[in-house]
Amino acid sequence: MVLNETSDVTMTVESVVETEIIVRINYFADDPAIFGEDYVLEVKKGQKWYSLPAKDDIMFTSIGYGLEKGYNLPWSTDFEILYGKLSHGHYRIIKSIRIEPLQGDSKVYFISAEFSI
């Protein structure tokens, strides 16, 4: 996965407790946006990031969270359901955000936030 982060959306890790991560998504663009429950975890080894293998037969709830300029939303997930127990290391969570301008095509961005266990 290639990150294409934008200054219109930021994501920061608020806490990691046991197997739950809570991030805060801050939205600054004028156009509305949407994101869902899906995410990817990567682990850093040396200077490179590697995607963690997800468990088989896992599906995400099809839900869309709307974002408007100035929104500052918490979002959480229990990553053990999808990835099992994580060993000590440096990780990042990646989420997709789709910005939907009133005119023109929508654009998907992949944003990330790093954390350690």
PDB file of N, CA and C in Angstrom:
ATOM      1  N   MET A   1       0.845  -1.169   0.000  1.00  0.00           N
ATOM      2  CA  MET A   1       0.000   0.000   0.000  1.00  0.00           C
ATOM      3  C   MET A   1       0.888   1.230   0.000  1.00  0.00           C
ATOM      4  N   VAL A   2       0.544   2.193  -0.828  1.00  0.00           N
ATOM      5  CA  VAL A   2       1.311   3.424  -0.920  1.00  0.00           C
ATOM      6  C   VAL A   2       0.544   4.535  -0.212  1.00  0.00           C
ATOM      7  N   LEU A   3       1.186   5.155   0.751  1.00  0.00           N
ATOM      8  CA  LEU A   3       0.553   6.269   1.449  1.00  0.00           C
ATOM      9  C   LEU A   3       0.515   7.486   0.542  1.00  0.00           C
ATOM     10  N   ASN A   4      -0.581   8.180   0.546  1.00  0.00           N
ATOM     11  CA  ASN A   4      -0.680   9.460  -0.145  1.00  0.00           C
ATOM     12  C   ASN A   4      -1.395  10.422   0.789  1.00  0.00           C
ATOM     13  N   GLU A   5      -0.727  10.724   1.868  1.00  0.00           N
ATOM     14  CA  GLU A   5      -1.322  11.545   2.911  1.00  0.00           C
ATOM     15  C   GLU A   5      -1.491  12.974   2.421  1.00  0.00           C
ATOM     16  N   THR A   6      -2.414  13.665   3.031  1.00  0.00           N
ATOM     17  CA  THR A   6      -2.711  15.043   2.695  1.00  0.00           C
ATOM     18  C   THR A   6      -2.791  15.845   3.974  1.00  0.00           C
ATOM     19  N   SER A   7      -2.469  17.123   3.888  1.00  0.00           N
ATOM     20  CA  SER A   7      -2.552  17.973   5.079  1.00  0.00           C
ATOM     21  C   SER A   7      -4.006  18.268   5.454  1.00  0.00           C
ATOM     22  N   ASP A   8      -4.965  17.873   4.593  1.00  0.00           N
ATOM     23  CA  ASP A   8      -6.380  18.078   4.891  1.00  0.00           C
ATOM     24  C   ASP A   8      -6.921  17.087   5.920  1.00  0.00           C
ATOM     25  N   VAL A   9      -6.184  15.992   6.164  1.00  0.00           N
ATOM     26  CA  VAL A   9      -6.614  14.973   7.118  1.00  0.00           C
ATOM     27  C   VAL A   9      -5.403  14.512   7.910  1.00  0.00           C
ATOM     28  N   THR A  10      -5.529  14.471   9.232  1.00  0.00           N
ATOM     29  CA  THR A  10      -4.467  13.902  10.050  1.00  0.00           C
ATOM     30  C   THR A  10      -5.064  12.833  10.961  1.00  0.00           C
ATOM     31  N   MET A  11      -4.232  11.892  11.330  1.00  0.00           N
ATOM     32  CA  MET A  11      -4.649  10.846  12.262  1.00  0.00           C
ATOM     33  C   MET A  11      -3.534  10.666  13.282  1.00  0.00           C
ATOM     34  N   THR A  12      -3.893  10.688  14.549  1.00  0.00           N
ATOM     35  CA  THR A  12      -2.923  10.489  15.615  1.00  0.00           C
ATOM     36  C   THR A  12      -3.427   9.402  16.551  1.00  0.00           C
ATOM     37  N   VAL A  13      -2.503   8.652  17.104  1.00  0.00           N
ATOM     38  CA  VAL A  13      -2.850   7.609  18.066  1.00  0.00           C
ATOM     39  C   VAL A  13      -3.039   8.260  19.431  1.00  0.00           C
ATOM     40  N   GLU A  14      -4.207   8.029  20.019  1.00  0.00           N
ATOM     41  CA  GLU A  14      -4.472   8.537  21.365  1.00  0.00           C
ATOM     42  C   GLU A  14      -4.057   7.536  22.424  1.00  0.00           C
ATOM     43  N   SER A  15      -4.336   6.237  22.163  1.00  0.00           N
ATOM     44  CA  SER A  15      -3.933   5.222  23.131  1.00  0.00           C
ATOM     45  C   SER A  15      -3.933   3.846  22.486  1.00  0.00           C
ATOM     46  N   VAL A  16      -3.111   2.992  23.063  1.00  0.00           N
ATOM     47  CA  VAL A  16      -3.100   1.563  22.733  1.00  0.00           C
ATOM     48  C   VAL A  16      -3.114   0.845  24.067  1.00  0.00           C
ATOM     49  N   VAL A  17      -4.218   0.151  24.336  1.00  0.00           N
ATOM     50  CA  VAL A  17      -4.385  -0.567  25.592  1.00  0.00           C
ATOM     51  C   VAL A  17      -4.765  -1.998  25.259  1.00  0.00           C
ATOM     52  N   GLU A  18      -3.921  -2.933  25.726  1.00  0.00           N
ATOM     53  CA  GLU A  18      -4.127  -4.351  25.401  1.00  0.00           C
ATOM     54  C   GLU A  18      -4.158  -4.506  23.889  1.00  0.00           C
ATOM     55  N   THR A  19      -5.330  -4.781  23.337  1.00  0.00           N
ATOM     56  CA  THR A  19      -5.438  -4.987  21.882  1.00  0.00           C
ATOM     57  C   THR A  19      -6.315  -3.926  21.211  1.00  0.00           C
ATOM     58  N   GLU A  20      -6.637  -2.859  21.936  1.00  0.00           N
ATOM     59  CA  GLU A  20      -7.459  -1.801  21.356  1.00  0.00           C
ATOM     60  C   GLU A  20      -6.611  -0.570  21.065  1.00  0.00           C
ATOM     61  N   ILE A  21      -6.818  -0.014  19.879  1.00  0.00           N
ATOM     62  CA  ILE A  21      -6.166   1.242  19.515  1.00  0.00           C
ATOM     63  C   ILE A  21      -7.256   2.291  19.307  1.00  0.00           C
ATOM     64  N   ILE A  22      -6.989   3.477  19.832  1.00  0.00           N
ATOM     65  CA  ILE A  22      -7.887   4.610  19.622  1.00  0.00           C
ATOM     66  C   ILE A  22      -7.087   5.686  18.889  1.00  0.00           C
ATOM     67  N   VAL A  23      -7.611   6.105  17.735  1.00  0.00           N
ATOM     68  CA  VAL A  23      -6.981   7.176  16.968  1.00  0.00           C
ATOM     69  C   VAL A  23      -7.940   8.358  16.908  1.00  0.00           C
ATOM     70  N   ARG A  24      -7.388   9.525  16.625  1.00  0.00           N
ATOM     71  CA  ARG A  24      -8.204  10.726  16.426  1.00  0.00           C
ATOM     72  C   ARG A  24      -7.971  11.192  14.996  1.00  0.00           C
ATOM     73  N   ILE A  25      -9.065  11.367  14.271  1.00  0.00           N
ATOM     74  CA  ILE A  25      -9.015  11.832  12.891  1.00  0.00           C
ATOM     75  C   ILE A  25      -9.457  13.288  12.879  1.00  0.00           C
ATOM     76  N   ASN A  26      -8.580  14.158  12.381  1.00  0.00           N
ATOM     77  CA  ASN A  26      -8.846  15.591  12.284  1.00  0.00           C
ATOM     78  C   ASN A  26      -9.000  15.954  10.816  1.00  0.00           C
ATOM     79  N   TYR A  27     -10.065  16.678  10.504  1.00  0.00           N
ATOM     80  CA  TYR A  27     -10.368  16.976   9.108  1.00  0.00           C
ATOM     81  C   TYR A  27     -10.404  18.478   8.878  1.00  0.00           C
ATOM     82  N   PHE A  28      -9.658  18.941   7.852  1.00  0.00           N
ATOM     83  CA  PHE A  28      -9.501  20.373   7.601  1.00  0.00           C
ATOM     84  C   PHE A  28      -9.980  20.825   6.231  1.00  0.00           C
ATOM     85  N   ALA A  29     -10.314  19.911   5.318  1.00  0.00           N
ATOM     86  CA  ALA A  29     -10.696  20.287   3.952  1.00  0.00           C
ATOM     87  C   ALA A  29     -12.094  20.901   3.927  1.00  0.00           C
ATOM     88  N   ASP A  30     -12.357  21.666   2.893  1.00  0.00           N
ATOM     89  CA  ASP A  30     -13.673  22.280   2.722  1.00  0.00           C
ATOM     90  C   ASP A  30     -14.706  21.281   2.228  1.00  0.00           C
ATOM     91  N   ASP A  31     -14.289  20.316   1.420  1.00  0.00           N
ATOM     92  CA  ASP A  31     -15.205  19.328   0.850  1.00  0.00           C
ATOM     93  C   ASP A  31     -15.506  18.218   1.850  1.00  0.00           C
ATOM     94  N   PRO A  32     -16.716  17.641   1.802  1.00  0.00           N
ATOM     95  CA  PRO A  32     -17.035  16.519   2.699  1.00  0.00           C
ATOM     96  C   PRO A  32     -16.193  15.282   2.368  1.00  0.00           C
ATOM     97  N   ALA A  33     -16.067  14.405   3.356  1.00  0.00           N
ATOM     98  CA  ALA A  33     -15.293  13.176   3.180  1.00  0.00           C
ATOM     99  C   ALA A  33     -15.990  12.044   3.916  1.00  0.00           C
ATOM    100  N   ILE A  34     -15.531  10.829   3.652  1.00  0.00           N
ATOM    101  CA  ILE A  34     -16.106   9.644   4.290  1.00  0.00           C
ATOM    102  C   ILE A  34     -14.994   8.631   4.538  1.00  0.00           C
ATOM    103  N   PHE A  35     -15.123   7.884   5.639  1.00  0.00           N
ATOM    104  CA  PHE A  35     -14.221   6.768   5.905  1.00  0.00           C
ATOM    105  C   PHE A  35     -15.020   5.649   6.543  1.00  0.00           C
ATOM    106  N   GLY A  36     -14.453   4.448   6.539  1.00  0.00           N
ATOM    107  CA  GLY A  36     -15.151   3.291   7.081  1.00  0.00           C
ATOM    108  C   GLY A  36     -14.374   2.605   8.180  1.00  0.00           C
ATOM    109  N   GLU A  37     -14.753   1.365   8.448  1.00  0.00           N
ATOM    110  CA  GLU A  37     -14.127   0.563   9.502  1.00  0.00           C
ATOM    111  C   GLU A  37     -12.816  -0.084   9.057  1.00  0.00           C
ATOM    112  N   ASP A  38     -12.554  -0.156   7.758  1.00  0.00           N
ATOM    113  CA  ASP A  38     -11.385  -0.873   7.250  1.00  0.00           C
ATOM    114  C   ASP A  38     -10.082  -0.174   7.627  1.00  0.00           C
ATOM    115  N   TYR A  39      -9.047  -0.976   7.802  1.00  0.00           N
ATOM    116  CA  TYR A  39      -7.713  -0.484   8.122  1.00  0.00           C
ATOM    117  C   TYR A  39      -6.708  -1.584   7.840  1.00  0.00           C
ATOM    118  N   VAL A  40      -5.446  -1.202   7.820  1.00  0.00           N
ATOM    119  CA  VAL A  40      -4.333  -2.131   7.630  1.00  0.00           C
ATOM    120  C   VAL A  40      -3.303  -1.817   8.704  1.00  0.00           C
ATOM    121  N   LEU A  41      -2.644  -2.853   9.222  1.00  0.00           N
ATOM    122  CA  LEU A  41      -1.519  -2.656  10.136  1.00  0.00           C
ATOM    123  C   LEU A  41      -0.235  -3.069   9.438  1.00  0.00           C
ATOM    124  N   GLU A  42       0.807  -2.276   9.662  1.00  0.00           N
ATOM    125  CA  GLU A  42       2.138  -2.596   9.159  1.00  0.00           C
ATOM    126  C   GLU A  42       3.115  -2.564  10.325  1.00  0.00           C
ATOM    127  N   VAL A  43       4.189  -3.331  10.194  1.00  0.00           N
ATOM    128  CA  VAL A  43       5.242  -3.361  11.201  1.00  0.00           C
ATOM    129  C   VAL A  43       6.525  -2.848  10.546  1.00  0.00           C
ATOM    130  N   LYS A  44       7.325  -2.120  11.327  1.00  0.00           N
ATOM    131  CA  LYS A  44       8.588  -1.583  10.823  1.00  0.00           C
ATOM    132  C   LYS A  44       9.725  -2.508  11.231  1.00  0.00           C
ATOM    133  N   LYS A  45      10.483  -2.915  10.234  1.00  0.00           N
ATOM    134  CA  LYS A  45      11.677  -3.734  10.462  1.00  0.00           C
ATOM    135  C   LYS A  45      12.829  -3.044   9.757  1.00  0.00           C
ATOM    136  N   GLY A  46      13.800  -2.579  10.552  1.00  0.00           N
ATOM    137  CA  GLY A  46      14.872  -1.771   9.971  1.00  0.00           C
ATOM    138  C   GLY A  46      14.289  -0.440   9.538  1.00  0.00           C
ATOM    139  N   GLN A  47      14.455  -0.116   8.273  1.00  0.00           N
ATOM    140  CA  GLN A  47      13.914   1.138   7.732  1.00  0.00           C
ATOM    141  C   GLN A  47      12.691   0.906   6.850  1.00  0.00           C
ATOM    142  N   LYS A  48      12.188  -0.337   6.773  1.00  0.00           N
ATOM    143  CA  LYS A  48      11.079  -0.652   5.880  1.00  0.00           C
ATOM    144  C   LYS A  48       9.824  -1.057   6.650  1.00  0.00           C
ATOM    145  N   TRP A  49       8.670  -0.779   6.023  1.00  0.00           N
ATOM    146  CA  TRP A  49       7.375  -1.175   6.556  1.00  0.00           C
ATOM    147  C   TRP A  49       6.885  -2.406   5.827  1.00  0.00           C
ATOM    148  N   TYR A  50       6.300  -3.352   6.578  1.00  0.00           N
ATOM    149  CA  TYR A  50       5.758  -4.587   6.012  1.00  0.00           C
ATOM    150  C   TYR A  50       4.322  -4.775   6.489  1.00  0.00           C
ATOM    151  N   SER A  51       3.419  -5.094   5.553  1.00  0.00           N
ATOM    152  CA  SER A  51       2.025  -5.357   5.905  1.00  0.00           C
ATOM    153  C   SER A  51       1.939  -6.628   6.725  1.00  0.00           C
ATOM    154  N   LEU A  52       1.138  -6.599   7.779  1.00  0.00           N
ATOM    155  CA  LEU A  52       0.898  -7.789   8.580  1.00  0.00           C
ATOM    156  C   LEU A  52      -0.170  -8.643   7.890  1.00  0.00           C
ATOM    157  N   PRO A  53      -0.026  -9.948   7.923  1.00  0.00           N
ATOM    158  CA  PRO A  53      -1.068 -10.802   7.339  1.00  0.00           C
ATOM    159  C   PRO A  53      -2.305 -10.815   8.236  1.00  0.00           C
ATOM    160  N   ALA A  54      -3.447 -10.594   7.624  1.00  0.00           N
ATOM    161  CA  ALA A  54      -4.715 -10.610   8.365  1.00  0.00           C
ATOM    162  C   ALA A  54      -5.238 -12.038   8.430  1.00  0.00           C
ATOM    163  N   LYS A  55      -6.054 -12.305   9.428  1.00  0.00           N
ATOM    164  CA  LYS A  55      -6.692 -13.616   9.551  1.00  0.00           C
ATOM    165  C   LYS A  55      -7.624 -13.832   8.360  1.00  0.00           C
ATOM    166  N   ASP A  56      -7.827 -15.077   7.993  1.00  0.00           N
ATOM    167  CA  ASP A  56      -8.744 -15.422   6.899  1.00  0.00           C
ATOM    168  C   ASP A  56     -10.188 -15.181   7.317  1.00  0.00           C
ATOM    169  N   ASP A  57     -11.037 -14.999   6.330  1.00  0.00           N
ATOM    170  CA  ASP A  57     -12.487 -14.889   6.525  1.00  0.00           C
ATOM    171  C   ASP A  57     -12.899 -13.742   7.439  1.00  0.00           C
ATOM    172  N   ILE A  58     -12.188 -12.630   7.359  1.00  0.00           N
ATOM    173  CA  ILE A  58     -12.546 -11.454   8.131  1.00  0.00           C
ATOM    174  C   ILE A  58     -13.186 -10.440   7.192  1.00  0.00           C
ATOM    175  N   MET A  59     -14.286  -9.858   7.636  1.00  0.00           N
ATOM    176  CA  MET A  59     -14.952  -8.812   6.860  1.00  0.00           C
ATOM    177  C   MET A  59     -15.171  -7.601   7.762  1.00  0.00           C
ATOM    178  N   PHE A  60     -15.226  -6.434   7.135  1.00  0.00           N
ATOM    179  CA  PHE A  60     -15.503  -5.207   7.860  1.00  0.00           C
ATOM    180  C   PHE A  60     -16.976  -4.857   7.710  1.00  0.00           C
ATOM    181  N   THR A  61     -17.526  -4.231   8.723  1.00  0.00           N
ATOM    182  CA  THR A  61     -18.874  -3.701   8.642  1.00  0.00           C
ATOM    183  C   THR A  61     -18.884  -2.598   7.592  1.00  0.00           C
ATOM    184  N   SER A  62     -19.872  -2.616   6.731  1.00  0.00           N
ATOM    185  CA  SER A  62     -19.980  -1.596   5.686  1.00  0.00           C
ATOM    186  C   SER A  62     -20.713  -0.385   6.251  1.00  0.00           C
ATOM    187  N   ILE A  63     -19.933   0.527   6.784  1.00  0.00           N
ATOM    188  CA  ILE A  63     -20.483   1.736   7.387  1.00  0.00           C
ATOM    189  C   ILE A  63     -19.632   2.905   6.928  1.00  0.00           C
ATOM    190  N   GLY A  64     -20.231   4.040   6.776  1.00  0.00           N
ATOM    191  CA  GLY A  64     -19.489   5.230   6.389  1.00  0.00           C
ATOM    192  C   GLY A  64     -19.635   6.310   7.433  1.00  0.00           C
ATOM    193  N   TYR A  65     -18.504   6.850   7.870  1.00  0.00           N
ATOM    194  CA  TYR A  65     -18.500   7.961   8.812  1.00  0.00           C
ATOM    195  C   TYR A  65     -18.237   9.238   8.021  1.00  0.00           C
ATOM    196  N   GLY A  66     -19.136  10.203   8.116  1.00  0.00           N
ATOM    197  CA  GLY A  66     -18.971  11.454   7.390  1.00  0.00           C
ATOM    198  C   GLY A  66     -18.058  12.415   8.119  1.00  0.00           C
ATOM    199  N   LEU A  67     -17.289  13.149   7.336  1.00  0.00           N
ATOM    200  CA  LEU A  67     -16.394  14.169   7.877  1.00  0.00           C
ATOM    201  C   LEU A  67     -16.683  15.495   7.195  1.00  0.00           C
ATOM    202  N   GLU A  68     -16.697  16.561   7.964  1.00  0.00           N
ATOM    203  CA  GLU A  68     -16.804  17.911   7.439  1.00  0.00           C
ATOM    204  C   GLU A  68     -15.706  18.744   8.074  1.00  0.00           C
ATOM    205  N   LYS A  69     -15.408  19.859   7.455  1.00  0.00           N
ATOM    206  CA  LYS A  69     -14.321  20.717   7.926  1.00  0.00           C
ATOM    207  C   LYS A  69     -14.474  21.005   9.420  1.00  0.00           C
ATOM    208  N   GLY A  70     -13.382  20.840  10.144  1.00  0.00           N
ATOM    209  CA  GLY A  70     -13.365  21.102  11.577  1.00  0.00           C
ATOM    210  C   GLY A  70     -13.685  19.890  12.441  1.00  0.00           C
ATOM    211  N   TYR A  71     -14.101  18.773  11.824  1.00  0.00           N
ATOM    212  CA  TYR A  71     -14.405  17.575  12.611  1.00  0.00           C
ATOM    213  C   TYR A  71     -13.131  17.020  13.225  1.00  0.00           C
ATOM    214  N   ASN A  72     -13.283  16.476  14.409  1.00  0.00           N
ATOM    215  CA  ASN A  72     -12.188  15.919  15.186  1.00  0.00           C
ATOM    216  C   ASN A  72     -12.779  14.682  15.861  1.00  0.00           C
ATOM    217  N   LEU A  73     -12.667  13.520  15.196  1.00  0.00           N
ATOM    218  CA  LEU A  73     -13.383  12.329  15.643  1.00  0.00           C
ATOM    219  C   LEU A  73     -12.462  11.238  16.178  1.00  0.00           C
ATOM    220  N   PRO A  74     -12.835  10.614  17.301  1.00  0.00           N
ATOM    221  CA  PRO A  74     -12.117   9.417  17.734  1.00  0.00           C
ATOM    222  C   PRO A  74     -12.660   8.197  16.980  1.00  0.00           C
ATOM    223  N   TRP A  75     -11.794   7.231  16.730  1.00  0.00           N
ATOM    224  CA  TRP A  75     -12.183   5.966  16.112  1.00  0.00           C
ATOM    225  C   TRP A  75     -11.342   4.880  16.778  1.00  0.00           C
ATOM    226  N   SER A  76     -11.955   3.741  17.073  1.00  0.00           N
ATOM    227  CA  SER A  76     -11.207   2.684  17.747  1.00  0.00           C
ATOM    228  C   SER A  76     -11.492   1.326  17.111  1.00  0.00           C
ATOM    229  N   THR A  77     -10.564   0.401  17.349  1.00  0.00           N
ATOM    230  CA  THR A  77     -10.738  -0.966  16.891  1.00  0.00           C
ATOM    231  C   THR A  77      -9.936  -1.904  17.780  1.00  0.00           C
ATOM    232  N   ASP A  78     -10.379  -3.139  17.838  1.00  0.00           N
ATOM    233  CA  ASP A  78      -9.641  -4.195  18.529  1.00  0.00           C
ATOM    234  C   ASP A  78      -8.865  -4.951  17.458  1.00  0.00           C
ATOM    235  N   PHE A  79      -7.564  -4.658  17.344  1.00  0.00           N
ATOM    236  CA  PHE A  79      -6.778  -5.228  16.247  1.00  0.00           C
ATOM    237  C   PHE A  79      -6.514  -6.723  16.407  1.00  0.00           C
ATOM    238  N   GLU A  80      -6.738  -7.282  17.593  1.00  0.00           N
ATOM    239  CA  GLU A  80      -6.522  -8.718  17.790  1.00  0.00           C
ATOM    240  C   GLU A  80      -7.495  -9.541  16.928  1.00  0.00           C
ATOM    241  N   ILE A  81      -8.692  -9.020  16.696  1.00  0.00           N
ATOM    242  CA  ILE A  81      -9.677  -9.734  15.885  1.00  0.00           C
ATOM    243  C   ILE A  81      -9.134 -10.001  14.487  1.00  0.00           C
ATOM    244  N   LEU A  82      -8.449  -9.025  13.919  1.00  0.00           N
ATOM    245  CA  LEU A  82      -7.950  -9.137  12.549  1.00  0.00           C
ATOM    246  C   LEU A  82      -6.520  -9.662  12.469  1.00  0.00           C
ATOM    247  N   TYR A  83      -5.681  -9.310  13.455  1.00  0.00           N
ATOM    248  CA  TYR A  83      -4.249  -9.614  13.367  1.00  0.00           C
ATOM    249  C   TYR A  83      -3.713 -10.514  14.485  1.00  0.00           C
ATOM    250  N   GLY A  84      -4.515 -10.861  15.455  1.00  0.00           N
ATOM    251  CA  GLY A  84      -4.017 -11.653  16.572  1.00  0.00           C
ATOM    252  C   GLY A  84      -3.201 -10.778  17.511  1.00  0.00           C
ATOM    253  N   LYS A  85      -2.525 -11.427  18.446  1.00  0.00           N
ATOM    254  CA  LYS A  85      -1.678 -10.687  19.396  1.00  0.00           C
ATOM    255  C   LYS A  85      -0.449 -10.151  18.660  1.00  0.00           C
ATOM    256  N   LEU A  86      -0.113  -8.908  18.918  1.00  0.00           N
ATOM    257  CA  LEU A  86       1.072  -8.300  18.322  1.00  0.00           C
ATOM    258  C   LEU A  86       2.245  -8.416  19.286  1.00  0.00           C
ATOM    259  N   SER A  87       3.410  -8.733  18.752  1.00  0.00           N
ATOM    260  CA  SER A  87       4.613  -8.770  19.585  1.00  0.00           C
ATOM    261  C   SER A  87       5.141  -7.350  19.744  1.00  0.00           C
ATOM    262  N   HIS A  88       6.131  -7.194  20.616  1.00  0.00           N
ATOM    263  CA  HIS A  88       6.732  -5.880  20.807  1.00  0.00           C
ATOM    264  C   HIS A  88       7.306  -5.411  19.479  1.00  0.00           C
ATOM    265  N   GLY A  89       7.099  -4.134  19.174  1.00  0.00           N
ATOM    266  CA  GLY A  89       7.626  -3.578  17.936  1.00  0.00           C
ATOM    267  C   GLY A  89       7.019  -2.222  17.637  1.00  0.00           C
ATOM    268  N   HIS A  90       7.379  -1.692  16.472  1.00  0.00           N
ATOM    269  CA  HIS A  90       6.891  -0.394  16.017  1.00  0.00           C
ATOM    270  C   HIS A  90       5.939  -0.640  14.851  1.00  0.00           C
ATOM    271  N   TYR A  91       4.735  -0.103  14.959  1.00  0.00           N
ATOM    272  CA  TYR A  91       3.664  -0.369  14.006  1.00  0.00           C
ATOM    273  C   TYR A  91       3.083   0.933  13.480  1.00  0.00           C
ATOM    274  N   ARG A  92       2.299   0.801  12.409  1.00  0.00           N
ATOM    275  CA  ARG A  92       1.471   1.912  11.978  1.00  0.00           C
ATOM    276  C   ARG A  92       0.134   1.371  11.494  1.00  0.00           C
ATOM    277  N   ILE A  93      -0.884   2.161  11.743  1.00  0.00           N
ATOM    278  CA  ILE A  93      -2.219   1.858  11.275  1.00  0.00           C
ATOM    279  C   ILE A  93      -2.485   2.759  10.074  1.00  0.00           C
ATOM    280  N   ILE A  94      -3.095   2.200   9.050  1.00  0.00           N
ATOM    281  CA  ILE A  94      -3.391   2.944   7.824  1.00  0.00           C
ATOM    282  C   ILE A  94      -4.885   2.866   7.561  1.00  0.00           C
ATOM    283  N   LYS A  95      -5.489   4.012   7.302  1.00  0.00           N
ATOM    284  CA  LYS A  95      -6.915   4.091   6.977  1.00  0.00           C
ATOM    285  C   LYS A  95      -7.086   4.866   5.682  1.00  0.00           C
ATOM    286  N   SER A  96      -8.134   4.519   4.958  1.00  0.00           N
ATOM    287  CA  SER A  96      -8.457   5.268   3.746  1.00  0.00           C
ATOM    288  C   SER A  96      -9.544   6.295   4.057  1.00  0.00           C
ATOM    289  N   ILE A  97      -9.407   7.455   3.439  1.00  0.00           N
ATOM    290  CA  ILE A  97     -10.371   8.549   3.563  1.00  0.00           C
ATOM    291  C   ILE A  97     -10.695   8.997   2.134  1.00  0.00           C
ATOM    292  N   ARG A  98     -11.966   9.082   1.814  1.00  0.00           N
ATOM    293  CA  ARG A  98     -12.365   9.531   0.474  1.00  0.00           C
ATOM    294  C   ARG A  98     -12.964  10.931   0.580  1.00  0.00           C
ATOM    295  N   ILE A  99     -12.279  11.899  -0.057  1.00  0.00           N
ATOM    296  CA  ILE A  99     -12.777  13.272  -0.105  1.00  0.00           C
ATOM    297  C   ILE A  99     -13.670  13.399  -1.333  1.00  0.00           C
ATOM    298  N   GLU A 100     -14.868  13.926  -1.121  1.00  0.00           N
ATOM    299  CA  GLU A 100     -15.880  13.989  -2.173  1.00  0.00           C
ATOM    300  C   GLU A 100     -16.265  15.434  -2.465  1.00  0.00           C
ATOM    301  N   PRO A 101     -15.544  16.083  -3.390  1.00  0.00           N
ATOM    302  CA  PRO A 101     -15.885  17.469  -3.717  1.00  0.00           C
ATOM    303  C   PRO A 101     -17.269  17.569  -4.358  1.00  0.00           C
ATOM    304  N   LEU A 102     -17.911  18.706  -4.199  1.00  0.00           N
ATOM    305  CA  LEU A 102     -19.225  18.901  -4.792  1.00  0.00           C
ATOM    306  C   LEU A 102     -19.146  18.858  -6.317  1.00  0.00           C
ATOM    307  N   GLN A 103     -18.033  19.310  -6.859  1.00  0.00           N
ATOM    308  CA  GLN A 103     -17.790  19.218  -8.299  1.00  0.00           C
ATOM    309  C   GLN A 103     -16.482  18.483  -8.510  1.00  0.00           C
ATOM    310  N   GLY A 104     -16.458  17.597  -9.499  1.00  0.00           N
ATOM    311  CA  GLY A 104     -15.244  16.845  -9.786  1.00  0.00           C
ATOM    312  C   GLY A 104     -15.283  15.470  -9.163  1.00  0.00           C
ATOM    313  N   ASP A 105     -14.218  14.732  -9.383  1.00  0.00           N
ATOM    314  CA  ASP A 105     -14.124  13.356  -8.916  1.00  0.00           C
ATOM    315  C   ASP A 105     -13.640  13.281  -7.468  1.00  0.00           C
ATOM    316  N   SER A 106     -14.084  12.246  -6.785  1.00  0.00           N
ATOM    317  CA  SER A 106     -13.603  12.020  -5.421  1.00  0.00           C
ATOM    318  C   SER A 106     -12.172  11.503  -5.479  1.00  0.00           C
ATOM    319  N   LYS A 107     -11.463  11.656  -4.385  1.00  0.00           N
ATOM    320  CA  LYS A 107     -10.077  11.203  -4.308  1.00  0.00           C
ATOM    321  C   LYS A 107      -9.881  10.463  -2.994  1.00  0.00           C
ATOM    322  N   VAL A 108      -9.212   9.309  -3.061  1.00  0.00           N
ATOM    323  CA  VAL A 108      -8.952   8.506  -1.871  1.00  0.00           C
ATOM    324  C   VAL A 108      -7.524   8.760  -1.393  1.00  0.00           C
ATOM    325  N   TYR A 109      -7.403   9.008  -0.096  1.00  0.00           N
ATOM    326  CA  TYR A 109      -6.103   9.186   0.540  1.00  0.00           C
ATOM    327  C   TYR A 109      -5.913   8.075   1.564  1.00  0.00           C
ATOM    328  N   PHE A 110      -4.672   7.655   1.744  1.00  0.00           N
ATOM    329  CA  PHE A 110      -4.322   6.672   2.764  1.00  0.00           C
ATOM    330  C   PHE A 110      -3.476   7.387   3.799  1.00  0.00           C
ATOM    331  N   ILE A 111      -4.017   7.494   5.013  1.00  0.00           N
ATOM    332  CA  ILE A 111      -3.340   8.201   6.087  1.00  0.00           C
ATOM    333  C   ILE A 111      -2.864   7.199   7.134  1.00  0.00           C
ATOM    334  N   SER A 112      -1.858   7.586   7.896  1.00  0.00           N
ATOM    335  CA  SER A 112      -1.289   6.640   8.859  1.00  0.00           C
ATOM    336  C   SER A 112      -0.956   7.323  10.175  1.00  0.00           C
ATOM    337  N   ALA A 113      -0.810   6.494  11.200  1.00  0.00           N
ATOM    338  CA  ALA A 113      -0.342   6.943  12.510  1.00  0.00           C
ATOM    339  C   ALA A 113       0.491   5.807  13.100  1.00  0.00           C
ATOM    340  N   GLU A 114       1.633   6.151  13.676  1.00  0.00           N
ATOM    341  CA  GLU A 114       2.552   5.151  14.216  1.00  0.00           C
ATOM    342  C   GLU A 114       2.339   4.945  15.714  1.00  0.00           C
ATOM    343  N   PHE A 115       2.657   3.718  16.161  1.00  0.00           N
ATOM    344  CA  PHE A 115       2.572   3.401  17.593  1.00  0.00           C
ATOM    345  C   PHE A 115       3.515   2.248  17.889  1.00  0.00           C
ATOM    346  N   SER A 116       3.842   2.081  19.147  1.00  0.00           N
ATOM    347  CA  SER A 116       4.720   0.995  19.582  1.00  0.00           C
ATOM    348  C   SER A 116       4.031   0.148  20.639  1.00  0.00           C
ATOM    349  N   ILE A 117       4.409  -1.098  20.666  1.00  0.00           N
ATOM    350  CA  ILE A 117       3.911  -2.036  21.684  1.00  0.00           C
ATOM    351  C   ILE A 117       5.126  -2.587  22.400  1.00  0.00           C
TER     352      ILE A 117
END
